[in-house]
C-alpha cells in the first residue's frame, strides 16, 4: 500500500534551523536525510520525496464562477506548516510509522501519515 508522509514544521523549529544550527549541524541533518533516502531506495519503498519552499512562496487557489483566483498564501491559521513529504510503498501502517519516525525533522516537528486511495 502507498502512504503519504507529510512533514510539518513550526516557526520555532524553522528559527532553530536558521539561527540555532551551525553549518556542521545542518550538514549532519542533510546527511541523515540522504541516508534515509538511500535506505528507502534500496528497500524499494521510496516512490518520491521532496522538500517544499517556505510558505511565503505558496499560492492559495480557488475557482469561483469558472474563474481561477490565485492569492498569496498560506491562508490557514495554523501553528504547523507543511515542509515536505515522502510517498512510500510500505507493507503496513506500522512500517509507515517507522519510516516517519526516521525523518530528521519529525524529532522537532511532526508527521502525518495518510494511506493513498487507489482509484479505479
PDB file of N, CA and C in Angstrom:
ATOM      1  N   UNK A   1       0.845  -1.177   0.000  1.00  0.00           N
ATOM      2  CA  UNK A   1       0.000   0.000   0.000  1.00  0.00           C
ATOM      3  C   UNK A   1       0.892   1.242   0.000  1.00  0.00           C
ATOM      4  N   UNK A   2       0.419   2.279  -0.664  1.00  0.00           N
ATOM      5  CA  UNK A   2       1.144   3.548  -0.679  1.00  0.00           C
ATOM      6  C   UNK A   2       0.697   4.388   0.505  1.00  0.00           C
ATOM      7  N   UNK A   3       1.672   5.091   1.089  1.00  0.00           N
ATOM      8  CA  UNK A   3       1.412   6.007   2.197  1.00  0.00           C
ATOM      9  C   UNK A   3       2.083   7.339   1.893  1.00  0.00           C
ATOM     10  N   UNK A   4       1.359   8.423   2.136  1.00  0.00           N
ATOM     11  CA  UNK A   4       1.917   9.759   2.017  1.00  0.00           C
ATOM     12  C   UNK A   4       2.273  10.223   3.429  1.00  0.00           C
ATOM     13  N   UNK A   5       3.530  10.530   3.623  1.00  0.00           N
ATOM     14  CA  UNK A   5       4.003  11.026   4.926  1.00  0.00           C
ATOM     15  C   UNK A   5       4.238  12.517   4.764  1.00  0.00           C
ATOM     16  N   UNK A   6       3.414  13.314   5.420  1.00  0.00           N
ATOM     17  CA  UNK A   6       3.504  14.771   5.365  1.00  0.00           C
ATOM     18  C   UNK A   6       4.348  15.254   6.538  1.00  0.00           C
ATOM     19  N   UNK A   7       5.367  16.035   6.257  1.00  0.00           N
ATOM     20  CA  UNK A   7       6.283  16.525   7.284  1.00  0.00           C
ATOM     21  C   UNK A   7       5.897  17.959   7.627  1.00  0.00           C
ATOM     22  N   UNK A   8       5.669  18.206   8.906  1.00  0.00           N
ATOM     23  CA  UNK A   8       5.280  19.542   9.355  1.00  0.00           C
ATOM     24  C   UNK A   8       6.364  20.154  10.222  1.00  0.00           C
ATOM     25  N   UNK A   9       6.483  21.454  10.119  1.00  0.00           N
ATOM     26  CA  UNK A   9       7.371  22.215  10.986  1.00  0.00           C
ATOM     27  C   UNK A   9       6.591  23.416  11.501  1.00  0.00           C
ATOM     28  N   UNK A  10       7.130  24.044  12.515  1.00  0.00           N
ATOM     29  CA  UNK A  10       6.500  25.257  13.017  1.00  0.00           C
ATOM     30  C   UNK A  10       7.532  26.376  12.987  1.00  0.00           C
ATOM     31  N   UNK A  11       7.106  27.612  13.172  1.00  0.00           N
ATOM     32  CA  UNK A  11       8.055  28.723  13.081  1.00  0.00           C
ATOM     33  C   UNK A  11       9.243  28.605  14.044  1.00  0.00           C
ATOM     34  N   UNK A  12       9.032  28.024  15.220  1.00  0.00           N
ATOM     35  CA  UNK A  12      10.154  27.911  16.159  1.00  0.00           C
ATOM     36  C   UNK A  12      11.179  26.899  15.676  1.00  0.00           C
ATOM     37  N   UNK A  13      10.739  25.806  15.037  1.00  0.00           N
ATOM     38  CA  UNK A  13      11.717  24.844  14.520  1.00  0.00           C
ATOM     39  C   UNK A  13      12.476  25.432  13.338  1.00  0.00           C
ATOM     40  N   UNK A  14      11.816  26.245  12.533  1.00  0.00           N
ATOM     41  CA  UNK A  14      12.500  26.907  11.413  1.00  0.00           C
ATOM     42  C   UNK A  14      13.554  27.868  11.938  1.00  0.00           C
ATOM     43  N   UNK A  15      13.229  28.586  13.014  1.00  0.00           N
ATOM     44  CA  UNK A  15      14.178  29.530  13.602  1.00  0.00           C
ATOM     45  C   UNK A  15      15.394  28.791  14.159  1.00  0.00           C
ATOM     46  N   UNK A  16      15.161  27.632  14.772  1.00  0.00           N
ATOM     47  CA  UNK A  16      16.276  26.826  15.277  1.00  0.00           C
ATOM     48  C   UNK A  16      17.181  26.417  14.118  1.00  0.00           C
ATOM     49  N   UNK A  17      16.577  25.963  13.009  1.00  0.00           N
ATOM     50  CA  UNK A  17      17.349  25.558  11.839  1.00  0.00           C
ATOM     51  C   UNK A  17      18.197  26.727  11.324  1.00  0.00           C
ATOM     52  N   UNK A  18      17.588  27.922  11.233  1.00  0.00           N
ATOM     53  CA  UNK A  18      18.273  29.076  10.655  1.00  0.00           C
ATOM     54  C   UNK A  18      19.278  29.719  11.599  1.00  0.00           C
ATOM     55  N   UNK A  19      18.936  29.797  12.889  1.00  0.00           N
ATOM     56  CA  UNK A  19      19.771  30.557  13.821  1.00  0.00           C
ATOM     57  C   UNK A  19      20.494  29.697  14.861  1.00  0.00           C
ATOM     58  N   UNK A  20      19.924  28.536  15.196  1.00  0.00           N
ATOM     59  CA  UNK A  20      20.495  27.728  16.264  1.00  0.00           C
ATOM     60  C   UNK A  20      21.428  26.631  15.793  1.00  0.00           C
ATOM     61  N   UNK A  21      21.350  26.280  14.514  1.00  0.00           N
ATOM     62  CA  UNK A  21      22.208  25.222  13.983  1.00  0.00           C
ATOM     63  C   UNK A  21      23.468  25.822  13.388  1.00  0.00           C
ATOM     64  N   UNK A  22      24.558  25.141  13.591  1.00  0.00           N
ATOM     65  CA  UNK A  22      25.794  25.502  12.916  1.00  0.00           C
ATOM     66  C   UNK A  22      25.763  24.895  11.512  1.00  0.00           C
ATOM     67  N   UNK A  23      26.718  25.292  10.701  1.00  0.00           N
ATOM     68  CA  UNK A  23      26.817  24.685   9.378  1.00  0.00           C
ATOM     69  C   UNK A  23      27.016  23.175   9.500  1.00  0.00           C
ATOM     70  N   UNK A  24      27.770  22.746  10.508  1.00  0.00           N
ATOM     71  CA  UNK A  24      28.002  21.312  10.730  1.00  0.00           C
ATOM     72  C   UNK A  24      26.704  20.609  11.128  1.00  0.00           C
ATOM     73  N   UNK A  25      25.872  21.261  11.945  1.00  0.00           N
ATOM     74  CA  UNK A  25      24.578  20.690  12.332  1.00  0.00           C
ATOM     75  C   UNK A  25      23.687  20.490  11.104  1.00  0.00           C
ATOM     76  N   UNK A  26      23.645  21.512  10.254  1.00  0.00           N
ATOM     77  CA  UNK A  26      22.817  21.419   9.047  1.00  0.00           C
ATOM     78  C   UNK A  26      23.349  20.331   8.109  1.00  0.00           C
ATOM     79  N   UNK A  27      24.667  20.240   7.974  1.00  0.00           N
ATOM     80  CA  UNK A  27      25.264  19.203   7.126  1.00  0.00           C
ATOM     81  C   UNK A  27      24.920  17.811   7.665  1.00  0.00           C
ATOM     82  N   UNK A  28      24.937  17.646   8.982  1.00  0.00           N
ATOM     83  CA  UNK A  28      24.585  16.360   9.590  1.00  0.00           C
ATOM     84  C   UNK A  28      23.119  16.021   9.320  1.00  0.00           C
ATOM     85  N   UNK A  29      22.244  17.018   9.384  1.00  0.00           N
ATOM     86  CA  UNK A  29      20.825  16.786   9.107  1.00  0.00           C
ATOM     87  C   UNK A  29      20.621  16.383   7.649  1.00  0.00           C
ATOM     88  N   UNK A  30      21.300  17.067   6.739  1.00  0.00           N
ATOM     89  CA  UNK A  30      21.193  16.697   5.323  1.00  0.00           C
ATOM     90  C   UNK A  30      21.717  15.284   5.084  1.00  0.00           C
ATOM     91  N   UNK A  31      22.796  14.900   5.784  1.00  0.00           N
ATOM     92  CA  UNK A  31      23.315  13.532   5.656  1.00  0.00           C
ATOM     93  C   UNK A  31      22.285  12.521   6.153  1.00  0.00           C
ATOM     94  N   UNK A  32      21.600  12.854   7.255  1.00  0.00           N
ATOM     95  CA  UNK A  32      20.577  11.948   7.793  1.00  0.00           C
ATOM     96  C   UNK A  32      19.450  11.753   6.780  1.00  0.00           C
ATOM     97  N   UNK A  33      19.040  12.834   6.114  1.00  0.00           N
ATOM     98  CA  UNK A  33      18.016  12.708   5.065  1.00  0.00           C
ATOM     99  C   UNK A  33      18.537  11.848   3.917  1.00  0.00           C
ATOM    100  N   UNK A  34      19.778  12.071   3.495  1.00  0.00           N
ATOM    101  CA  UNK A  34      20.356  11.301   2.389  1.00  0.00           C
ATOM    102  C   UNK A  34      20.433   9.820   2.748  1.00  0.00           C
ATOM    103  N   UNK A  35      20.821   9.517   3.983  1.00  0.00           N
ATOM    104  CA  UNK A  35      20.898   8.125   4.420  1.00  0.00           C
ATOM    105  C   UNK A  35      19.516   7.474   4.438  1.00  0.00           C
ATOM    106  N   UNK A  36      18.501   8.200   4.909  1.00  0.00           N
ATOM    107  CA  UNK A  36      17.137   7.677   4.903  1.00  0.00           C
ATOM    108  C   UNK A  36      16.676   7.426   3.471  1.00  0.00           C
ATOM    109  N   UNK A  37      16.915   8.389   2.590  1.00  0.00           N
ATOM    110  CA  UNK A  37      16.516   8.228   1.194  1.00  0.00           C
ATOM    111  C   UNK A  37      17.219   7.029   0.555  1.00  0.00           C
ATOM    112  N   UNK A  38      18.526   6.888   0.825  1.00  0.00           N
ATOM    113  CA  UNK A  38      19.271   5.752   0.278  1.00  0.00           C
ATOM    114  C   UNK A  38      18.713   4.434   0.797  1.00  0.00           C
ATOM    115  N   UNK A  39      18.396   4.376   2.075  1.00  0.00           N
ATOM    116  CA  UNK A  39      17.859   3.159   2.684  1.00  0.00           C
ATOM    117  C   UNK A  39      16.503   2.792   2.083  1.00  0.00           C
ATOM    118  N   UNK A  40      15.625   3.793   1.941  1.00  0.00           N
ATOM    119  CA  UNK A  40      14.293   3.540   1.383  1.00  0.00           C
ATOM    120  C   UNK A  40      14.363   3.196  -0.101  1.00  0.00           C
ATOM    121  N   UNK A  41      15.318   3.771  -0.822  1.00  0.00           N
ATOM    122  CA  UNK A  41      15.508   3.426  -2.231  1.00  0.00           C
ATOM    123  C   UNK A  41      15.990   1.984  -2.338  1.00  0.00           C
ATOM    124  N   UNK A  42      16.956   1.608  -1.503  1.00  0.00           N
ATOM    125  CA  UNK A  42      17.495   0.245  -1.535  1.00  0.00           C
ATOM    126  C   UNK A  42      16.426  -0.798  -1.204  1.00  0.00           C
ATOM    127  N   UNK A  43      15.507  -0.457  -0.293  1.00  0.00           N
ATOM    128  CA  UNK A  43      14.458  -1.407   0.092  1.00  0.00           C
ATOM    129  C   UNK A  43      13.301  -1.424  -0.907  1.00  0.00           C
ATOM    130  N   UNK A  44      13.294  -0.464  -1.839  1.00  0.00           N
ATOM    131  CA  UNK A  44      12.213  -0.380  -2.815  1.00  0.00           C
ATOM    132  C   UNK A  44      10.974   0.328  -2.287  1.00  0.00           C
ATOM    133  N   UNK A  45      11.066   0.955  -1.115  1.00  0.00           N
ATOM    134  CA  UNK A  45       9.896   1.602  -0.509  1.00  0.00           C
ATOM    135  C   UNK A  45       9.710   3.053  -0.948  1.00  0.00           C
ATOM    136  N   UNK A  46      10.782   3.727  -1.349  1.00  0.00           N
ATOM    137  CA  UNK A  46      10.677   5.143  -1.702  1.00  0.00           C
ATOM    138  C   UNK A  46      10.110   5.306  -3.104  1.00  0.00           C
ATOM    139  N   UNK A  47       9.035   6.067  -3.212  1.00  0.00           N
ATOM    140  CA  UNK A  47       8.489   6.434  -4.516  1.00  0.00           C
ATOM    141  C   UNK A  47       9.013   7.817  -4.881  1.00  0.00           C
ATOM    142  N   UNK A  48       8.838   8.782  -3.970  1.00  0.00           N
ATOM    143  CA  UNK A  48       9.346  10.140  -4.177  1.00  0.00           C
ATOM    144  C   UNK A  48       9.375  10.851  -2.825  1.00  0.00           C
ATOM    145  N   UNK A  49      10.297  11.781  -2.707  1.00  0.00           N
ATOM    146  CA  UNK A  49      10.374  12.635  -1.526  1.00  0.00           C
ATOM    147  C   UNK A  49      10.806  14.019  -1.985  1.00  0.00           C
ATOM    148  N   UNK A  50      10.185  15.034  -1.437  1.00  0.00           N
ATOM    149  CA  UNK A  50      10.535  16.407  -1.794  1.00  0.00           C
ATOM    150  C   UNK A  50      10.434  17.313  -0.582  1.00  0.00           C
ATOM    151  N   UNK A  51      11.273  18.313  -0.569  1.00  0.00           N
ATOM    152  CA  UNK A  51      11.194  19.388   0.412  1.00  0.00           C
ATOM    153  C   UNK A  51      10.449  20.536  -0.257  1.00  0.00           C
ATOM    154  N   UNK A  52       9.633  21.231   0.493  1.00  0.00           N
ATOM    155  CA  UNK A  52       8.845  22.328  -0.067  1.00  0.00           C
ATOM    156  C   UNK A  52       9.452  23.678   0.295  1.00  0.00           C
ATOM    157  N   UNK A  53       9.278  24.644  -0.590  1.00  0.00           N
ATOM    158  CA  UNK A  53       9.711  26.013  -0.314  1.00  0.00           C
ATOM    159  C   UNK A  53       8.894  26.557   0.857  1.00  0.00           C
ATOM    160  N   UNK A  54       9.391  27.626   1.455  1.00  0.00           N
ATOM    161  CA  UNK A  54       8.689  28.225   2.586  1.00  0.00           C
ATOM    162  C   UNK A  54       7.313  28.739   2.170  1.00  0.00           C
ATOM    163  N   UNK A  55       6.455  28.882   3.162  1.00  0.00           N
ATOM    164  CA  UNK A  55       5.054  29.233   2.919  1.00  0.00           C
ATOM    165  C   UNK A  55       4.878  30.577   2.217  1.00  0.00           C
ATOM    166  N   UNK A  56       5.854  31.462   2.307  1.00  0.00           N
ATOM    167  CA  UNK A  56       5.747  32.751   1.611  1.00  0.00           C
ATOM    168  C   UNK A  56       5.700  32.576   0.088  1.00  0.00           C
ATOM    169  N   UNK A  57       6.170  31.444  -0.400  1.00  0.00           N
ATOM    170  CA  UNK A  57       6.172  31.165  -1.831  1.00  0.00           C
ATOM    171  C   UNK A  57       4.874  30.486  -2.288  1.00  0.00           C
ATOM    172  N   UNK A  58       3.996  30.146  -1.353  1.00  0.00           N
ATOM    173  CA  UNK A  58       2.787  29.390  -1.667  1.00  0.00           C
ATOM    174  C   UNK A  58       1.723  30.281  -2.317  1.00  0.00           C
ATOM    175  N   UNK A  59       0.801  29.654  -3.002  1.00  0.00           N
ATOM    176  CA  UNK A  59      -0.368  30.337  -3.552  1.00  0.00           C
ATOM    177  C   UNK A  59      -1.607  29.555  -3.142  1.00  0.00           C
ATOM    178  N   UNK A  60      -2.636  30.280  -2.834  1.00  0.00           N
ATOM    179  CA  UNK A  60      -3.932  29.716  -2.462  1.00  0.00           C
ATOM    180  C   UNK A  60      -4.825  29.880  -3.685  1.00  0.00           C
ATOM    181  N   UNK A  61      -5.380  28.784  -4.181  1.00  0.00           N
ATOM    182  CA  UNK A  61      -6.164  28.827  -5.413  1.00  0.00           C
ATOM    183  C   UNK A  61      -7.607  28.433  -5.121  1.00  0.00           C
ATOM    184  N   UNK A  62      -8.514  29.236  -5.622  1.00  0.00           N
ATOM    185  CA  UNK A  62      -9.936  28.923  -5.577  1.00  0.00           C
ATOM    186  C   UNK A  62     -10.492  29.114  -6.983  1.00  0.00           C
ATOM    187  N   UNK A  63     -11.616  28.474  -7.248  1.00  0.00           N
ATOM    188  CA  UNK A  63     -12.313  28.680  -8.519  1.00  0.00           C
ATOM    189  C   UNK A  63     -13.725  29.121  -8.174  1.00  0.00           C
ATOM    190  N   UNK A  64     -14.099  30.292  -8.643  1.00  0.00           N
ATOM    191  CA  UNK A  64     -15.431  30.846  -8.415  1.00  0.00           C
ATOM    192  C   UNK A  64     -15.987  31.321  -9.749  1.00  0.00           C
ATOM    193  N   UNK A  65     -17.198  30.904 -10.024  1.00  0.00           N
ATOM    194  CA  UNK A  65     -17.852  31.275 -11.281  1.00  0.00           C
ATOM    195  C   UNK A  65     -16.960  30.952 -12.485  1.00  0.00           C
ATOM    196  N   UNK A  66     -16.262  29.829 -12.408  1.00  0.00           N
ATOM    197  CA  UNK A  66     -15.428  29.379 -13.513  1.00  0.00           C
ATOM    198  C   UNK A  66     -14.103  30.085 -13.651  1.00  0.00           C
ATOM    199  N   UNK A  67     -13.784  31.002 -12.729  1.00  0.00           N
ATOM    200  CA  UNK A  67     -12.523  31.736 -12.803  1.00  0.00           C
ATOM    201  C   UNK A  67     -11.599  31.300 -11.674  1.00  0.00           C
ATOM    202  N   UNK A  68     -10.352  31.024 -12.051  1.00  0.00           N
ATOM    203  CA  UNK A  68      -9.343  30.668 -11.050  1.00  0.00           C
ATOM    204  C   UNK A  68      -8.782  31.943 -10.432  1.00  0.00           C
ATOM    205  N   UNK A  69      -8.728  31.958  -9.119  1.00  0.00           N
ATOM    206  CA  UNK A  69      -8.158  33.083  -8.385  1.00  0.00           C
ATOM    207  C   UNK A  69      -6.988  32.570  -7.559  1.00  0.00           C
ATOM    208  N   UNK A  70      -5.820  33.142  -7.762  1.00  0.00           N
ATOM    209  CA  UNK A  70      -4.632  32.750  -7.000  1.00  0.00           C
ATOM    210  C   UNK A  70      -4.213  33.930  -6.134  1.00  0.00           C
ATOM    211  N   UNK A  71      -4.039  33.658  -4.849  1.00  0.00           N
ATOM    212  CA  UNK A  71      -3.629  34.688  -3.901  1.00  0.00           C
ATOM    213  C   UNK A  71      -2.404  34.207  -3.151  1.00  0.00           C
ATOM    214  N   UNK A  72      -1.672  35.161  -2.579  1.00  0.00           N
ATOM    215  CA  UNK A  72      -0.541  34.768  -1.746  1.00  0.00           C
ATOM    216  C   UNK A  72      -1.044  33.898  -0.616  1.00  0.00           C
ATOM    217  N   UNK A  73      -0.255  32.921  -0.224  1.00  0.00           N
ATOM    218  CA  UNK A  73      -0.636  32.024   0.860  1.00  0.00           C
ATOM    219  C   UNK A  73       0.374  32.121   1.971  1.00  0.00           C
ATOM    220  N   UNK A  74       0.259  31.324   2.982  1.00  0.00           N
ATOM    221  CA  UNK A  74      -0.855  30.405   3.199  1.00  0.00           C
ATOM    222  C   UNK A  74      -2.025  31.119   3.851  1.00  0.00           C
ATOM    223  N   UNK A  75      -3.192  30.524   3.776  1.00  0.00           N
ATOM    224  CA  UNK A  75      -4.367  31.139   4.364  1.00  0.00           C
ATOM    225  C   UNK A  75      -4.821  30.455   5.636  1.00  0.00           C
ATOM    226  N   UNK A  76      -4.413  29.226   5.830  1.00  0.00           N
ATOM    227  CA  UNK A  76      -4.834  28.509   7.033  1.00  0.00           C
ATOM    228  C   UNK A  76      -4.160  29.127   8.255  1.00  0.00           C
ATOM    229  N   UNK A  77      -4.923  29.303   9.306  1.00  0.00           N
ATOM    230  CA  UNK A  77      -4.372  29.773  10.572  1.00  0.00           C
ATOM    231  C   UNK A  77      -3.850  28.553  11.314  1.00  0.00           C
ATOM    232  N   UNK A  78      -2.594  28.243  11.107  1.00  0.00           N
ATOM    233  CA  UNK A  78      -2.027  27.027  11.673  1.00  0.00           C
ATOM    234  C   UNK A  78      -0.747  27.334  12.432  1.00  0.00           C
ATOM    235  N   UNK A  79      -0.414  26.439  13.327  1.00  0.00           N
ATOM    236  CA  UNK A  79       0.845  26.561  14.056  1.00  0.00           C
ATOM    237  C   UNK A  79       1.932  25.732  13.407  1.00  0.00           C
ATOM    238  N   UNK A  80       1.534  24.744  12.603  1.00  0.00           N
ATOM    239  CA  UNK A  80       2.488  23.912  11.901  1.00  0.00           C
ATOM    240  C   UNK A  80       2.220  23.993  10.409  1.00  0.00           C
ATOM    241  N   UNK A  81       3.296  24.071   9.630  1.00  0.00           N
ATOM    242  CA  UNK A  81       3.186  24.234   8.192  1.00  0.00           C
ATOM    243  C   UNK A  81       3.836  23.061   7.481  1.00  0.00           C
ATOM    244  N   UNK A  82       3.301  22.708   6.328  1.00  0.00           N
ATOM    245  CA  UNK A  82       3.822  21.606   5.549  1.00  0.00           C
ATOM    246  C   UNK A  82       5.211  21.958   5.033  1.00  0.00           C
ATOM    247  N   UNK A  83       6.196  21.098   5.329  1.00  0.00           N
ATOM    248  CA  UNK A  83       7.584  21.360   4.951  1.00  0.00           C
ATOM    249  C   UNK A  83       8.064  20.431   3.841  1.00  0.00           C
ATOM    250  N   UNK A  84       7.459  19.263   3.715  1.00  0.00           N
ATOM    251  CA  UNK A  84       7.887  18.308   2.704  1.00  0.00           C
ATOM    252  C   UNK A  84       7.075  17.044   2.818  1.00  0.00           C
ATOM    253  N   UNK A  85       7.445  16.045   2.015  1.00  0.00           N
ATOM    254  CA  UNK A  85       6.676  14.809   2.046  1.00  0.00           C
ATOM    255  C   UNK A  85       7.504  13.646   1.532  1.00  0.00           C
ATOM    256  N   UNK A  86       7.085  12.477   1.906  1.00  0.00           N
ATOM    257  CA  UNK A  86       7.568  11.214   1.348  1.00  0.00           C
ATOM    258  C   UNK A  86       6.347  10.460   0.853  1.00  0.00           C
ATOM    259  N   UNK A  87       6.436   9.898  -0.327  1.00  0.00           N
ATOM    260  CA  UNK A  87       5.443   8.942  -0.800  1.00  0.00           C
ATOM    261  C   UNK A  87       6.162   7.609  -0.842  1.00  0.00           C
ATOM    262  N   UNK A  88       5.679   6.673  -0.030  1.00  0.00           N
ATOM    263  CA  UNK A  88       6.347   5.385   0.097  1.00  0.00           C
ATOM    264  C   UNK A  88       5.383   4.245  -0.191  1.00  0.00           C
ATOM    265  N   UNK A  89       5.936   3.119  -0.550  1.00  0.00           N
ATOM    266  CA  UNK A  89       5.185   1.865  -0.694  1.00  0.00           C
ATOM    267  C   UNK A  89       5.627   1.013   0.482  1.00  0.00           C
ATOM    268  N   UNK A  90       4.729   0.772   1.435  1.00  0.00           N
ATOM    269  CA  UNK A  90       5.084   0.035   2.653  1.00  0.00           C
ATOM    270  C   UNK A  90       4.102  -1.103   2.871  1.00  0.00           C
ATOM    271  N   UNK A  91       4.555  -2.109   3.591  1.00  0.00           N
ATOM    272  CA  UNK A  91       3.727  -3.290   3.853  1.00  0.00           C
ATOM    273  C   UNK A  91       2.575  -3.012   4.805  1.00  0.00           C
ATOM    274  N   UNK A  92       2.740  -1.985   5.658  1.00  0.00           N
ATOM    275  CA  UNK A  92       1.723  -1.740   6.672  1.00  0.00           C
ATOM    276  C   UNK A  92       1.830  -0.310   7.193  1.00  0.00           C
ATOM    277  N   UNK A  93       0.794   0.103   7.914  1.00  0.00           N
ATOM    278  CA  UNK A  93       0.832   1.399   8.569  1.00  0.00           C
ATOM    279  C   UNK A  93       1.955   1.415   9.606  1.00  0.00           C
ATOM    280  N   UNK A  94       2.178   0.302  10.278  1.00  0.00           N
ATOM    281  CA  UNK A  94       3.261   0.241  11.266  1.00  0.00           C
ATOM    282  C   UNK A  94       4.604   0.562  10.618  1.00  0.00           C
ATOM    283  N   UNK A  95       4.840   0.022   9.425  1.00  0.00           N
ATOM    284  CA  UNK A  95       6.095   0.310   8.724  1.00  0.00           C
ATOM    285  C   UNK A  95       6.139   1.774   8.325  1.00  0.00           C
ATOM    286  N   UNK A  96       5.030   2.344   7.876  1.00  0.00           N
ATOM    287  CA  UNK A  96       4.991   3.765   7.525  1.00  0.00           C
ATOM    288  C   UNK A  96       5.309   4.630   8.745  1.00  0.00           C
ATOM    289  N   UNK A  97       4.838   4.218   9.917  1.00  0.00           N
ATOM    290  CA  UNK A  97       5.154   4.944  11.153  1.00  0.00           C
ATOM    291  C   UNK A  97       6.652   4.876  11.435  1.00  0.00           C
ATOM    292  N   UNK A  98       7.260   3.707  11.231  1.00  0.00           N
ATOM    293  CA  UNK A  98       8.712   3.570  11.422  1.00  0.00           C
ATOM    294  C   UNK A  98       9.471   4.518  10.500  1.00  0.00           C
ATOM    295  N   UNK A  99       9.040   4.591   9.243  1.00  0.00           N
ATOM    296  CA  UNK A  99       9.692   5.481   8.284  1.00  0.00           C
ATOM    297  C   UNK A  99       9.534   6.928   8.722  1.00  0.00           C
ATOM    298  N   UNK A 100       8.321   7.326   9.099  1.00  0.00           N
ATOM    299  CA  UNK A 100       8.083   8.706   9.536  1.00  0.00           C
ATOM    300  C   UNK A 100       8.945   9.055  10.744  1.00  0.00           C
ATOM    301  N   UNK A 101       9.097   8.117  11.661  1.00  0.00           N
ATOM    302  CA  UNK A 101       9.895   8.369  12.865  1.00  0.00           C
ATOM    303  C   UNK A 101      11.371   8.560  12.538  1.00  0.00           C
ATOM    304  N   UNK A 102      11.823   8.050  11.387  1.00  0.00           N
ATOM    305  CA  UNK A 102      13.219   8.187  10.987  1.00  0.00           C
ATOM    306  C   UNK A 102      13.515   9.496  10.261  1.00  0.00           C
ATOM    307  N   UNK A 103      12.493  10.270   9.952  1.00  0.00           N
ATOM    308  CA  UNK A 103      12.686  11.552   9.267  1.00  0.00           C
ATOM    309  C   UNK A 103      13.241  12.556  10.268  1.00  0.00           C
ATOM    310  N   UNK A 104      14.432  13.123   9.995  1.00  0.00           N
ATOM    311  CA  UNK A 104      15.069  14.003  10.984  1.00  0.00           C
ATOM    312  C   UNK A 104      14.184  15.125  11.508  1.00  0.00           C
ATOM    313  N   UNK A 105      13.439  15.776  10.658  1.00  0.00           N
ATOM    314  CA  UNK A 105      12.645  16.940  11.088  1.00  0.00           C
ATOM    315  C   UNK A 105      11.505  16.561  12.028  1.00  0.00           C
ATOM    316  N   UNK A 106      11.089  15.316  12.011  1.00  0.00           N
ATOM    317  CA  UNK A 106       9.973  14.890  12.850  1.00  0.00           C
ATOM    318  C   UNK A 106      10.356  14.937  14.339  1.00  0.00           C
ATOM    319  N   UNK A 107      11.650  14.860  14.639  1.00  0.00           N
ATOM    320  CA  UNK A 107      12.097  14.951  16.033  1.00  0.00           C
ATOM    321  C   UNK A 107      11.740  16.300  16.653  1.00  0.00           C
ATOM    322  N   UNK A 108      11.644  17.335  15.825  1.00  0.00           N
ATOM    323  CA  UNK A 108      11.292  18.660  16.340  1.00  0.00           C
ATOM    324  C   UNK A 108       9.924  19.118  15.853  1.00  0.00           C
ATOM    325  N   UNK A 109       9.422  18.509  14.795  1.00  0.00           N
ATOM    326  CA  UNK A 109       8.128  18.893  14.233  1.00  0.00           C
ATOM    327  C   UNK A 109       7.124  17.767  14.407  1.00  0.00           C
ATOM    328  N   UNK A 110       6.530  17.345  13.315  1.00  0.00           N
ATOM    329  CA  UNK A 110       5.543  16.263  13.356  1.00  0.00           C
ATOM    330  C   UNK A 110       5.377  15.711  11.948  1.00  0.00           C
ATOM    331  N   UNK A 111       4.750  14.549  11.860  1.00  0.00           N
ATOM    332  CA  UNK A 111       4.414  13.967  10.559  1.00  0.00           C
ATOM    333  C   UNK A 111       2.992  13.434  10.614  1.00  0.00           C
ATOM    334  N   UNK A 112       2.337  13.489   9.491  1.00  0.00           N
ATOM    335  CA  UNK A 112       1.005  12.895   9.332  1.00  0.00           C
ATOM    336  C   UNK A 112       1.130  11.839   8.247  1.00  0.00           C
ATOM    337  N   UNK A 113       0.558  10.672   8.489  1.00  0.00           N
ATOM    338  CA  UNK A 113       0.599   9.590   7.514  1.00  0.00           C
ATOM    339  C   UNK A 113      -0.803   9.352   6.993  1.00  0.00           C
ATOM    340  N   UNK A 114      -0.926   9.375   5.674  1.00  0.00           N
ATOM    341  CA  UNK A 114      -2.224   9.156   5.045  1.00  0.00           C
ATOM    342  C   UNK A 114      -2.104   8.038   4.029  1.00  0.00           C
ATOM    343  N   UNK A 115      -2.884   6.962   4.182  1.00  0.00           N
ATOM    344  CA  UNK A 115      -2.902   5.947   3.128  1.00  0.00           C
ATOM    345  C   UNK A 115      -3.424   6.578   1.831  1.00  0.00           C
ATOM    346  N   UNK A 116      -2.857   6.154   0.716  1.00  0.00           N
ATOM    347  CA  UNK A 116      -3.274   6.666  -0.572  1.00  0.00           C
ATOM    348  C   UNK A 116      -4.416   5.818  -1.099  1.00  0.00           C
ATOM    349  N   UNK A 117      -5.497   6.448  -1.473  1.00  0.00           N
ATOM    350  CA  UNK A 117      -6.660   5.754  -2.018  1.00  0.00           C
ATOM    351  C   UNK A 117      -6.368   5.396  -3.469  1.00  0.00           C
ATOM    352  N   UNK A 118      -6.509   4.141  -3.779  1.00  0.00           N
ATOM    353  CA  UNK A 118      -6.337   3.673  -5.166  1.00  0.00           C
ATOM    354  C   UNK A 118      -7.668   3.858  -5.886  1.00  0.00           C
ATOM    355  N   UNK A 119      -7.664   4.689  -6.907  1.00  0.00           N
ATOM    356  CA  UNK A 119      -8.888   4.921  -7.678  1.00  0.00           C
ATOM    357  C   UNK A 119      -8.913   4.014  -8.900  1.00  0.00           C
ATOM    358  N   UNK A 120     -10.084   3.562  -9.275  1.00  0.00           N
ATOM    359  CA  UNK A 120     -10.166   2.668 -10.442  1.00  0.00           C
ATOM    360  C   UNK A 120      -9.857   3.421 -11.734  1.00  0.00           C
TER     361      UNK A 120
END
